[in-house]
N, C-alpha and C. Protein backbone atom coordinates (compact mmCIF):
# COMPACT_ATOMS: atom_id res chain seq x y z
N MET A 1 1.04 -0.97 -0.40
CA MET A 1 0.06 -0.05 0.21
C MET A 1 1.12 0.88 -0.22
N GLU A 2 0.78 1.90 -0.84
CA GLU A 2 1.34 3.54 -1.08
C GLU A 2 0.53 4.55 -0.63
N PHE A 3 -0.37 5.14 0.35
CA PHE A 3 -0.73 6.11 0.31
C PHE A 3 0.12 7.43 -0.49
N ASN A 4 -0.79 8.47 -1.06
CA ASN A 4 -0.36 9.53 -0.94
C ASN A 4 -0.99 10.35 -0.96
N LEU A 5 -0.67 11.78 0.32
CA LEU A 5 -1.27 12.76 0.79
C LEU A 5 -2.19 13.42 -0.43
N LYS A 6 -0.99 13.77 -1.92
CA LYS A 6 -1.69 14.68 -3.05
C LYS A 6 -2.89 13.99 -3.36
N GLU A 7 -2.47 12.63 -3.71
CA GLU A 7 -3.85 11.83 -4.26
C GLU A 7 -5.26 12.18 -3.36
N ILE A 8 -5.12 11.89 -2.38
CA ILE A 8 -5.88 11.31 -1.52
C ILE A 8 -6.71 12.81 -1.07
N LEU A 9 -6.23 14.07 -1.12
CA LEU A 9 -6.77 15.33 -1.72
C LEU A 9 -7.46 15.34 -2.63
N THR A 10 -6.86 15.18 -3.50
CA THR A 10 -7.35 15.31 -5.27
C THR A 10 -8.52 14.74 -5.05
N ALA A 11 -8.43 13.62 -4.90
CA ALA A 11 -9.30 12.33 -4.96
C ALA A 11 -10.72 12.72 -4.26
N PHE A 12 -10.58 13.13 -3.17
CA PHE A 12 -11.51 13.81 -2.18
C PHE A 12 -12.10 14.78 -2.48
N MET A 13 -11.27 16.09 -3.23
CA MET A 13 -12.17 17.20 -3.72
C MET A 13 -13.15 16.93 -4.93
N VAL A 14 -12.45 15.99 -5.50
CA VAL A 14 -13.31 15.71 -6.63
C VAL A 14 -14.74 14.88 -6.40
N LEU A 15 -14.67 13.77 -5.38
CA LEU A 15 -15.84 13.38 -5.20
C LEU A 15 -16.66 14.08 -3.96
N PHE A 16 -15.80 14.91 -3.63
CA PHE A 16 -16.97 16.20 -2.64
C PHE A 16 -17.64 16.95 -3.52
N ALA A 17 -16.81 17.47 -4.59
CA ALA A 17 -17.79 18.51 -5.85
C ALA A 17 -18.60 17.55 -6.30
N VAL A 18 -18.49 16.60 -6.67
CA VAL A 18 -19.07 15.38 -7.40
C VAL A 18 -20.79 15.34 -6.79
N ILE A 19 -20.24 14.94 -5.22
CA ILE A 19 -21.34 14.45 -4.54
C ILE A 19 -22.18 15.86 -4.32
N ASP A 20 -21.54 16.68 -3.83
CA ASP A 20 -21.71 17.94 -3.54
C ASP A 20 -22.95 18.06 -2.64
N ILE A 21 -22.70 17.26 -1.27
CA ILE A 21 -23.63 17.51 -0.36
C ILE A 21 -23.90 18.78 0.45
N VAL A 22 -23.11 19.97 0.02
CA VAL A 22 -23.36 21.04 0.79
C VAL A 22 -24.08 21.80 -0.40
N GLY A 23 -24.22 21.62 -1.59
CA GLY A 23 -25.15 22.07 -2.34
C GLY A 23 -26.76 21.05 -2.46
N ASN A 24 -26.14 20.03 -1.78
CA ASN A 24 -27.96 19.22 -1.67
C ASN A 24 -28.50 19.57 -0.27
N ILE A 25 -27.91 20.54 0.87
CA ILE A 25 -28.64 20.87 1.79
C ILE A 25 -30.05 21.00 1.71
N PRO A 26 -30.58 21.88 0.92
CA PRO A 26 -31.87 22.50 0.01
C PRO A 26 -32.80 21.06 -0.11
N ILE A 27 -32.26 19.99 -0.65
CA ILE A 27 -32.88 19.05 -1.07
C ILE A 27 -32.93 17.75 0.15
N ILE A 28 -31.96 18.06 1.19
CA ILE A 28 -32.00 17.09 2.26
C ILE A 28 -33.08 17.78 2.97
N ILE A 29 -33.68 19.24 2.97
CA ILE A 29 -33.97 19.70 4.28
C ILE A 29 -35.25 19.30 4.13
N ASP A 30 -35.44 19.53 2.45
CA ASP A 30 -37.10 19.32 1.82
C ASP A 30 -37.26 17.49 1.89
N LEU A 31 -36.15 17.15 2.06
CA LEU A 31 -36.51 15.73 2.53
C LEU A 31 -36.69 15.67 3.96
N ARG A 32 -36.37 15.74 4.55
CA ARG A 32 -36.45 15.82 6.16
C ARG A 32 -38.09 16.27 6.35
N LYS A 33 -38.45 17.16 5.70
CA LYS A 33 -40.05 17.86 5.80
C LYS A 33 -40.80 17.04 5.28
N LYS A 34 -40.54 16.30 4.31
CA LYS A 34 -41.28 15.64 3.99
C LYS A 34 -41.65 14.21 4.58
N VAL A 35 -40.42 13.51 4.87
CA VAL A 35 -40.65 11.93 5.75
C VAL A 35 -40.61 12.30 6.99
N GLY A 36 -40.04 13.18 7.47
CA GLY A 36 -39.82 13.57 9.16
C GLY A 36 -38.53 13.12 9.43
N HIS A 37 -37.76 12.21 9.82
CA HIS A 37 -36.56 11.86 10.47
C HIS A 37 -36.15 11.20 9.38
N ILE A 38 -34.71 11.32 9.08
CA ILE A 38 -33.78 10.69 8.46
C ILE A 38 -32.55 10.30 9.36
N GLN A 39 -32.39 8.84 8.78
CA GLN A 39 -31.09 8.20 9.59
C GLN A 39 -29.70 8.27 8.97
N SER A 40 -28.89 9.89 9.53
CA SER A 40 -27.82 9.90 8.90
C SER A 40 -26.80 8.90 8.93
N GLU A 41 -27.32 8.04 9.79
CA GLU A 41 -25.98 7.05 10.28
C GLU A 41 -26.08 6.34 8.81
N LYS A 42 -27.30 5.66 8.76
CA LYS A 42 -27.28 4.62 7.73
C LYS A 42 -27.45 4.93 6.17
N ALA A 43 -27.69 6.30 5.93
CA ALA A 43 -27.36 6.94 4.72
C ALA A 43 -26.19 7.11 4.51
N SER A 44 -25.28 7.30 4.98
CA SER A 44 -23.47 7.54 4.94
C SER A 44 -23.22 6.13 4.75
N ILE A 45 -23.59 5.19 5.82
CA ILE A 45 -23.09 4.13 5.82
C ILE A 45 -22.98 3.46 4.56
N ILE A 46 -24.47 3.12 3.90
CA ILE A 46 -25.07 2.61 2.82
C ILE A 46 -23.96 3.03 1.39
N ALA A 47 -24.02 4.33 1.68
CA ALA A 47 -23.56 5.29 0.39
C ALA A 47 -22.06 4.99 0.42
N GLY A 48 -21.31 4.76 1.33
CA GLY A 48 -20.54 4.71 1.65
C GLY A 48 -19.95 3.10 0.84
N LEU A 49 -21.08 2.10 1.36
CA LEU A 49 -20.55 0.75 1.21
C LEU A 49 -20.49 0.92 -0.35
N ILE A 50 -21.73 1.61 -1.21
CA ILE A 50 -22.06 1.20 -2.66
C ILE A 50 -20.84 2.02 -3.48
N LEU A 51 -20.41 3.10 -2.57
CA LEU A 51 -19.19 3.73 -3.27
C LEU A 51 -18.10 2.65 -3.66
N ILE A 52 -17.75 2.29 -1.93
CA ILE A 52 -16.56 1.41 -2.42
C ILE A 52 -16.88 -0.07 -3.17
N LEU A 53 -17.66 -0.68 -2.89
CA LEU A 53 -17.66 -1.86 -3.87
C LEU A 53 -17.25 -1.40 -5.24
N PHE A 54 -18.41 -0.33 -5.70
CA PHE A 54 -18.24 -0.10 -6.99
C PHE A 54 -16.61 0.59 -7.40
N LEU A 55 -15.66 0.69 -6.58
CA LEU A 55 -14.76 0.82 -6.45
C LEU A 55 -13.80 -0.27 -7.25
N PHE A 56 -14.25 -1.13 -6.22
CA PHE A 56 -13.78 -2.55 -6.79
C PHE A 56 -14.32 -3.70 -7.59
N LEU A 57 -15.47 -3.06 -7.83
CA LEU A 57 -16.19 -4.11 -8.97
C LEU A 57 -16.71 -3.61 -10.20
N GLY A 58 -16.71 -2.16 -10.23
CA GLY A 58 -17.04 -1.64 -11.28
C GLY A 58 -16.20 -1.99 -12.53
N LYS A 59 -14.71 -1.88 -12.34
CA LYS A 59 -13.72 -2.41 -13.07
C LYS A 59 -14.14 -3.89 -13.97
N SER A 60 -14.27 -4.80 -13.18
CA SER A 60 -14.54 -6.22 -13.78
C SER A 60 -16.06 -5.71 -14.25
N ILE A 61 -17.00 -5.22 -14.05
CA ILE A 61 -17.90 -5.38 -14.81
C ILE A 61 -18.07 -4.57 -16.20
N LEU A 62 -16.96 -3.75 -16.32
CA LEU A 62 -16.43 -2.91 -17.41
C LEU A 62 -16.06 -4.24 -18.06
N ASN A 63 -14.62 -4.85 -17.86
CA ASN A 63 -14.02 -5.58 -18.71
C ASN A 63 -15.21 -7.06 -19.20
N LEU A 64 -16.23 -7.35 -18.18
CA LEU A 64 -17.06 -8.06 -18.49
C LEU A 64 -17.71 -7.66 -19.83
N ILE A 65 -17.65 -6.70 -19.73
CA ILE A 65 -18.75 -5.65 -20.83
C ILE A 65 -18.10 -5.05 -22.56
N GLY A 66 -16.75 -5.45 -22.03
CA GLY A 66 -15.75 -5.17 -22.91
C GLY A 66 -15.01 -3.86 -22.85
N ILE A 67 -15.64 -2.81 -22.35
CA ILE A 67 -15.00 -1.49 -22.35
C ILE A 67 -13.91 -1.02 -21.03
N ASP A 68 -12.93 -0.61 -21.32
CA ASP A 68 -11.72 -0.30 -21.07
C ASP A 68 -11.47 1.02 -19.95
N VAL A 69 -11.11 0.99 -19.26
CA VAL A 69 -10.91 2.19 -18.19
C VAL A 69 -11.05 3.47 -18.79
N ASN A 70 -10.32 3.87 -19.40
CA ASN A 70 -9.89 5.31 -20.21
C ASN A 70 -11.41 5.17 -20.77
N SER A 71 -11.81 4.67 -21.28
CA SER A 71 -13.30 4.78 -22.41
C SER A 71 -14.29 5.28 -21.38
N PHE A 72 -14.18 4.26 -20.15
CA PHE A 72 -15.36 4.96 -19.10
C PHE A 72 -14.83 6.23 -18.74
N ALA A 73 -13.73 6.75 -18.69
CA ALA A 73 -13.07 8.03 -18.02
C ALA A 73 -13.44 9.12 -18.69
N VAL A 74 -13.23 8.73 -19.90
CA VAL A 74 -14.00 9.62 -20.77
C VAL A 74 -15.75 10.10 -20.85
N ALA A 75 -16.14 8.85 -20.94
CA ALA A 75 -17.82 8.84 -20.74
C ALA A 75 -17.54 9.56 -19.12
N GLY A 76 -17.30 9.51 -18.55
CA GLY A 76 -17.44 9.87 -16.99
C GLY A 76 -17.15 11.65 -17.20
N ALA A 77 -16.17 11.78 -17.89
CA ALA A 77 -15.83 13.19 -18.26
C ALA A 77 -16.95 14.43 -18.46
N PHE A 78 -17.66 13.27 -19.59
CA PHE A 78 -18.63 14.02 -19.97
C PHE A 78 -20.29 14.50 -18.88
N ILE A 79 -19.85 13.17 -18.05
CA ILE A 79 -21.00 13.39 -17.14
C ILE A 79 -20.18 14.30 -16.21
N LEU A 80 -19.36 13.86 -15.44
CA LEU A 80 -19.14 15.35 -15.08
C LEU A 80 -19.18 16.92 -15.39
N PHE A 81 -19.16 16.97 -16.77
CA PHE A 81 -18.92 18.63 -17.22
C PHE A 81 -20.42 18.75 -17.54
N PHE A 82 -21.66 17.82 -17.24
CA PHE A 82 -22.77 18.41 -17.24
C PHE A 82 -23.69 18.46 -15.56
N ILE A 83 -22.98 18.00 -15.09
CA ILE A 83 -23.21 18.01 -13.60
C ILE A 83 -22.60 19.48 -12.96
N ALA A 84 -21.12 19.78 -13.63
CA ALA A 84 -21.04 21.01 -13.48
C ALA A 84 -21.84 22.35 -13.99
N LEU A 85 -22.20 22.11 -15.63
CA LEU A 85 -23.14 22.76 -15.80
C LEU A 85 -24.32 23.37 -14.80
N GLU A 86 -24.80 22.19 -14.41
CA GLU A 86 -26.28 22.15 -13.81
C GLU A 86 -25.56 22.91 -12.15
N MET A 87 -24.82 22.70 -11.97
CA MET A 87 -23.93 23.27 -10.92
C MET A 87 -23.73 24.59 -10.78
N ILE A 88 -23.10 25.21 -11.91
CA ILE A 88 -23.05 26.51 -12.30
C ILE A 88 -24.32 27.39 -12.97
N LEU A 89 -25.09 26.81 -13.73
CA LEU A 89 -26.29 27.32 -14.25
C LEU A 89 -27.33 27.31 -13.45
N GLY A 90 -27.36 26.50 -12.57
CA GLY A 90 -28.42 26.33 -11.62
C GLY A 90 -29.70 25.51 -12.69
N ILE A 91 -29.28 24.76 -13.25
CA ILE A 91 -30.58 24.05 -14.10
C ILE A 91 -30.89 22.97 -13.80
N THR A 92 -31.40 21.77 -13.89
CA THR A 92 -31.69 20.45 -13.58
C THR A 92 -32.17 19.48 -15.05
N LEU A 93 -30.81 19.02 -15.00
CA LEU A 93 -30.79 17.79 -16.44
C LEU A 93 -31.30 16.52 -15.70
N TYR A 94 -31.24 15.90 -14.68
CA TYR A 94 -31.61 14.61 -13.86
C TYR A 94 -32.65 15.14 -12.96
N LYS A 95 -33.97 14.36 -13.16
CA LYS A 95 -34.70 14.49 -12.66
C LYS A 95 -35.12 13.59 -11.83
N ASP A 96 -35.33 13.44 -10.22
CA ASP A 96 -34.99 11.86 -9.21
C ASP A 96 -37.19 11.91 -9.46
N ASP A 97 -37.32 10.78 -8.85
CA ASP A 97 -38.55 10.07 -8.85
C ASP A 97 -38.97 10.46 -7.72
N GLU A 98 -40.74 10.61 -7.13
CA GLU A 98 -40.86 11.03 -5.78
C GLU A 98 -40.64 9.56 -4.66
N ASN A 99 -40.02 10.16 -3.89
CA ASN A 99 -39.98 8.56 -2.66
C ASN A 99 -41.00 8.51 -1.74
N THR A 100 -40.50 7.47 -0.65
CA THR A 100 -41.82 7.15 0.25
C THR A 100 -40.65 7.32 1.56
N ALA A 101 -41.70 7.34 3.02
CA ALA A 101 -41.26 7.84 4.04
C ALA A 101 -40.02 6.55 4.45
N SER A 102 -40.70 5.58 4.54
CA SER A 102 -39.97 4.34 4.84
C SER A 102 -38.55 3.88 4.46
N THR A 103 -38.29 4.57 3.08
CA THR A 103 -36.80 4.06 2.23
C THR A 103 -36.04 5.56 1.84
N ALA A 104 -36.53 6.64 2.63
CA ALA A 104 -35.89 7.82 2.58
C ALA A 104 -34.19 7.98 2.56
N SER A 105 -33.78 7.31 3.86
CA SER A 105 -32.82 7.24 4.09
C SER A 105 -31.66 6.59 2.97
N ILE A 106 -32.40 5.66 2.32
CA ILE A 106 -31.72 4.60 1.46
C ILE A 106 -32.25 5.60 0.03
N PHE A 107 -33.00 5.52 -0.54
CA PHE A 107 -33.83 6.16 -1.55
C PHE A 107 -34.77 6.92 -1.63
N PRO A 108 -34.14 8.27 -2.10
CA PRO A 108 -32.85 8.65 -2.88
C PRO A 108 -31.92 9.13 -1.95
N LEU A 109 -31.82 9.36 -0.81
CA LEU A 109 -30.41 10.04 0.04
C LEU A 109 -29.22 9.17 -0.27
N ALA A 110 -29.28 7.94 -0.16
CA ALA A 110 -27.73 7.14 0.26
C ALA A 110 -27.69 7.05 -1.55
N PHE A 111 -29.08 6.64 -2.58
CA PHE A 111 -28.47 6.54 -4.13
C PHE A 111 -30.03 6.76 -4.09
N PRO A 112 -30.19 7.49 -5.21
CA PRO A 112 -29.06 8.29 -6.17
C PRO A 112 -28.23 9.40 -5.56
N LEU A 113 -28.73 10.29 -4.58
CA LEU A 113 -28.06 11.63 -4.22
C LEU A 113 -26.63 11.52 -3.95
N ILE A 114 -26.70 10.42 -3.07
CA ILE A 114 -24.77 10.66 -2.44
C ILE A 114 -24.35 9.67 -3.72
N ALA A 115 -24.41 8.31 -3.97
CA ALA A 115 -23.80 7.37 -4.57
C ALA A 115 -24.35 7.27 -5.50
N GLY A 116 -24.39 8.31 -6.61
CA GLY A 116 -25.40 8.78 -8.06
C GLY A 116 -24.62 8.05 -9.20
N PRO A 117 -25.30 8.11 -10.03
CA PRO A 117 -24.38 7.97 -11.71
C PRO A 117 -23.25 8.78 -11.46
N GLY A 118 -23.06 10.66 -11.47
CA GLY A 118 -21.91 10.98 -11.54
C GLY A 118 -20.91 10.46 -10.11
N SER A 119 -21.30 10.38 -9.10
CA SER A 119 -19.84 9.52 -8.25
C SER A 119 -19.41 8.34 -8.55
N LEU A 120 -20.35 7.51 -9.09
CA LEU A 120 -19.79 6.19 -9.56
C LEU A 120 -18.81 5.92 -10.53
N THR A 121 -19.45 7.25 -11.66
CA THR A 121 -18.54 7.41 -13.09
C THR A 121 -17.31 8.02 -12.31
N THR A 122 -17.39 8.97 -11.66
CA THR A 122 -16.10 9.11 -11.02
C THR A 122 -15.05 8.42 -10.45
N LEU A 123 -15.76 7.79 -9.58
CA LEU A 123 -14.88 6.58 -9.07
C LEU A 123 -13.65 5.45 -9.70
N LEU A 124 -14.85 5.55 -10.95
CA LEU A 124 -13.95 4.53 -11.81
C LEU A 124 -12.67 5.60 -12.79
N SER A 125 -13.24 6.76 -13.02
CA SER A 125 -12.68 7.87 -14.03
C SER A 125 -11.06 7.54 -12.71
N LEU A 126 -11.06 8.30 -11.73
CA LEU A 126 -10.48 8.28 -10.67
C LEU A 126 -9.72 7.17 -10.43
N ARG A 127 -9.99 5.79 -10.64
CA ARG A 127 -9.18 5.01 -10.54
C ARG A 127 -7.83 4.77 -12.01
N ALA A 128 -8.91 5.44 -12.89
CA ALA A 128 -7.43 5.18 -13.87
C ALA A 128 -6.29 6.19 -14.24
N GLU A 129 -6.67 7.10 -12.95
CA GLU A 129 -5.20 7.87 -12.76
C GLU A 129 -4.91 7.64 -11.10
N PHE A 130 -5.42 7.23 -10.27
CA PHE A 130 -4.95 7.15 -8.95
C PHE A 130 -4.92 5.51 -8.36
N LYS A 131 -3.97 5.55 -7.09
CA LYS A 131 -3.70 4.21 -6.66
C LYS A 131 -5.65 3.97 -5.88
N THR A 132 -5.46 2.85 -6.05
CA THR A 132 -7.03 2.45 -5.14
C THR A 132 -7.09 2.78 -3.84
N GLU A 133 -6.26 2.70 -3.04
CA GLU A 133 -6.59 2.99 -1.85
C GLU A 133 -6.00 4.32 -1.52
N ASN A 134 -5.71 4.88 -2.15
CA ASN A 134 -5.78 6.60 -1.89
C ASN A 134 -7.43 7.09 -1.87
N ILE A 135 -7.99 6.13 -3.11
CA ILE A 135 -9.34 6.50 -3.32
C ILE A 135 -10.77 6.30 -2.01
N VAL A 136 -9.65 5.02 -1.74
CA VAL A 136 -10.86 4.48 -0.41
C VAL A 136 -10.63 5.63 0.22
N VAL A 137 -9.63 5.99 1.02
CA VAL A 137 -9.42 7.13 1.87
C VAL A 137 -10.00 8.39 1.73
N ALA A 138 -10.17 8.62 0.42
CA ALA A 138 -11.04 9.69 -0.25
C ALA A 138 -12.52 9.70 0.41
N VAL A 139 -12.62 8.24 -0.29
CA VAL A 139 -14.46 7.75 0.09
C VAL A 139 -14.56 8.58 1.33
N ILE A 140 -13.94 7.47 2.22
CA ILE A 140 -14.11 7.16 3.70
C ILE A 140 -14.36 8.86 4.16
N ILE A 141 -13.51 9.32 3.79
CA ILE A 141 -13.14 10.96 4.54
C ILE A 141 -14.45 11.49 3.97
N ASN A 142 -15.04 11.29 3.11
CA ASN A 142 -16.30 11.72 2.01
C ASN A 142 -17.95 11.55 3.09
N VAL A 143 -17.40 10.21 2.97
CA VAL A 143 -18.75 9.82 3.81
C VAL A 143 -18.64 10.77 5.42
N ILE A 144 -17.40 10.46 5.88
CA ILE A 144 -17.54 11.76 7.02
C ILE A 144 -18.00 12.86 6.97
N PHE A 145 -17.88 13.64 6.14
CA PHE A 145 -18.48 15.00 5.81
C PHE A 145 -19.62 14.87 5.08
N ILE A 146 -20.23 13.44 4.60
CA ILE A 146 -21.57 13.85 4.66
C ILE A 146 -22.28 13.42 5.50
N TYR A 147 -21.95 12.32 6.49
CA TYR A 147 -22.67 12.18 7.74
C TYR A 147 -22.72 13.78 8.61
N ILE A 148 -21.94 14.18 8.64
CA ILE A 148 -21.68 15.93 9.70
C ILE A 148 -22.84 16.71 8.95
N VAL A 149 -22.89 16.43 7.40
CA VAL A 149 -23.72 17.35 6.73
C VAL A 149 -24.99 16.93 7.03
N LEU A 150 -25.35 15.82 7.11
CA LEU A 150 -26.80 15.18 7.08
C LEU A 150 -26.95 15.57 8.12
N LYS A 151 -26.16 15.26 9.76
CA LYS A 151 -26.72 15.73 11.17
C LYS A 151 -26.86 17.26 11.46
N THR A 152 -26.40 17.95 10.80
CA THR A 152 -26.49 19.40 11.32
C THR A 152 -26.62 20.36 9.77
N SER A 153 -27.45 19.37 8.75
CA SER A 153 -28.00 20.13 7.58
C SER A 153 -29.15 21.35 7.88
N SER A 154 -29.47 21.86 9.20
CA SER A 154 -30.75 22.36 9.38
C SER A 154 -29.65 23.75 9.82
N LYS A 155 -29.15 23.43 10.83
CA LYS A 155 -27.95 24.34 11.42
C LYS A 155 -27.14 24.95 10.10
N ILE A 156 -26.80 24.30 9.09
CA ILE A 156 -26.02 24.99 8.51
C ILE A 156 -26.74 25.64 7.49
N GLU A 157 -27.37 25.60 6.87
CA GLU A 157 -29.02 26.30 6.27
C GLU A 157 -29.22 27.47 6.75
N HIS A 158 -29.15 27.54 7.93
CA HIS A 158 -29.16 28.53 9.59
C HIS A 158 -28.26 29.52 8.93
N ILE A 159 -27.14 28.82 8.99
CA ILE A 159 -25.90 29.67 9.60
C ILE A 159 -25.54 30.66 7.81
N ILE A 160 -25.54 29.66 6.82
CA ILE A 160 -24.86 30.38 5.46
C ILE A 160 -25.86 30.85 4.73
N GLY A 161 -27.14 30.33 4.83
CA GLY A 161 -28.34 31.02 4.41
C GLY A 161 -28.16 30.18 2.98
N SER A 162 -29.44 30.82 2.09
CA SER A 162 -29.45 29.71 0.47
C SER A 162 -28.44 30.80 -0.42
N SER A 163 -28.57 32.38 -0.10
CA SER A 163 -27.36 32.15 -0.90
C SER A 163 -25.87 31.94 -0.55
N GLY A 164 -25.69 31.58 0.31
CA GLY A 164 -24.47 30.86 0.31
C GLY A 164 -24.67 29.73 0.16
N ILE A 165 -25.32 29.16 0.22
CA ILE A 165 -25.22 27.46 -0.70
C ILE A 165 -25.11 27.82 -1.96
N GLY A 166 -26.02 28.74 -2.82
CA GLY A 166 -25.85 28.91 -4.03
C GLY A 166 -24.41 29.24 -4.63
N ILE A 167 -23.73 29.98 -3.94
CA ILE A 167 -22.66 30.39 -3.93
C ILE A 167 -20.94 29.36 -3.84
N ILE A 168 -21.38 28.37 -3.04
CA ILE A 168 -20.59 27.09 -2.35
C ILE A 168 -21.08 26.27 -4.13
N ARG A 169 -22.30 26.34 -4.34
CA ARG A 169 -22.50 25.24 -5.71
C ARG A 169 -21.88 25.50 -6.63
N LYS A 170 -22.15 26.98 -7.22
CA LYS A 170 -21.24 27.16 -8.27
C LYS A 170 -19.80 27.45 -7.85
N ILE A 171 -18.86 27.58 -6.92
CA ILE A 171 -17.77 27.34 -6.90
C ILE A 171 -17.38 25.91 -6.92
N PHE A 172 -17.75 25.18 -6.42
CA PHE A 172 -17.67 23.60 -6.99
C PHE A 172 -18.05 23.57 -8.25
N GLY A 173 -19.12 23.78 -8.69
CA GLY A 173 -19.34 23.80 -10.52
C GLY A 173 -18.02 24.01 -11.11
N VAL A 174 -17.73 24.87 -10.67
CA VAL A 174 -16.48 25.13 -11.68
C VAL A 174 -15.50 25.00 -11.65
N VAL A 175 -14.70 24.18 -10.29
CA VAL A 175 -13.46 23.13 -10.06
C VAL A 175 -14.20 22.10 -11.01
N LEU A 176 -15.44 21.13 -10.66
CA LEU A 176 -15.70 20.47 -11.12
C LEU A 176 -15.68 20.38 -12.71
N LEU A 177 -16.08 21.23 -13.03
CA LEU A 177 -15.96 21.48 -14.87
C LEU A 177 -14.24 21.58 -15.56
N ALA A 178 -13.23 22.02 -14.39
CA ALA A 178 -11.87 21.71 -14.35
C ALA A 178 -11.99 20.70 -14.80
N ILE A 179 -12.12 19.71 -13.86
CA ILE A 179 -11.41 18.30 -13.52
C ILE A 179 -12.24 17.54 -14.70
N ALA A 180 -13.17 17.93 -15.47
CA ALA A 180 -14.12 17.16 -16.29
C ALA A 180 -13.17 17.52 -17.54
N VAL A 181 -12.62 18.69 -17.60
CA VAL A 181 -11.35 18.96 -18.97
C VAL A 181 -10.64 18.00 -18.90
N LYS A 182 -10.20 18.22 -17.51
CA LYS A 182 -8.40 17.49 -17.33
C LYS A 182 -8.74 16.04 -17.68
N LEU A 183 -10.14 15.16 -17.10
CA LEU A 183 -10.45 14.10 -17.12
C LEU A 183 -10.45 13.38 -18.39
N PHE A 184 -11.01 14.45 -19.48
CA PHE A 184 -11.27 13.99 -20.78
C PHE A 184 -9.77 14.23 -21.62
N THR A 185 -9.09 15.17 -21.56
CA THR A 185 -7.86 15.53 -22.18
C THR A 185 -6.84 14.12 -22.03
N SER A 186 -6.42 13.75 -20.70
CA SER A 186 -5.48 12.69 -20.21
C SER A 186 -5.85 11.64 -20.54
N ASN A 187 -7.40 11.21 -20.52
CA ASN A 187 -7.81 9.53 -21.34
C ASN A 187 -7.71 9.97 -22.53
N ILE A 188 -8.46 11.12 -23.50
CA ILE A 188 -8.37 11.04 -24.54
C ILE A 188 -7.13 10.95 -25.38
N LYS A 189 -6.23 11.35 -24.95
CA LYS A 189 -5.04 10.90 -25.71
C LYS A 189 -4.38 9.47 -25.50
N VAL A 190 -4.61 8.74 -24.38
CA VAL A 190 -4.44 7.36 -24.64
C VAL A 190 -5.23 6.40 -25.22
N LEU A 191 -6.50 7.00 -25.53
CA LEU A 191 -7.63 6.22 -26.43
C LEU A 191 -7.07 6.38 -28.11
N LEU A 192 -6.50 7.57 -28.10
CA LEU A 192 -5.87 8.14 -29.59
C LEU A 192 -4.86 7.62 -30.12
């Protein structure tokens, strides 16, 4: 095992931007109002397990259907690009289905809000560039942040306000856009 602080921080920031737990605070608060109580521990642990399992099994699944990691990383760059556009422009390209009170901590919170298509694609894109152990540490740190945000979402919204959340979302959108461009350019060279 070879831990690299730079890789861990980069992978953490990329996942943090894609998961966008701070930007999702309004959705989390709305979900709390609809269903009452959200199990923060359960949602965080399930999301973390989904992310880590996909990190290890995703490549095997791709190999099974004949797709290499670099091709998946290029496809992931497009998804990150569109997620970044959603964050920057305040538009919605992906619409969630309605949820029920009994499963709100798992669906839509753990999946697909936290461990959704963007974060799963990002994991395999990161795996094309970084060591797996560094990505696992980044996932664990993100799960800790997710848990803290879920537990304190009402307080966070009250402190920074809706305009503060909007600003944070746009900043992470620009960062994510730059990461999408980097992922695309570094992996397209390998394919060409």
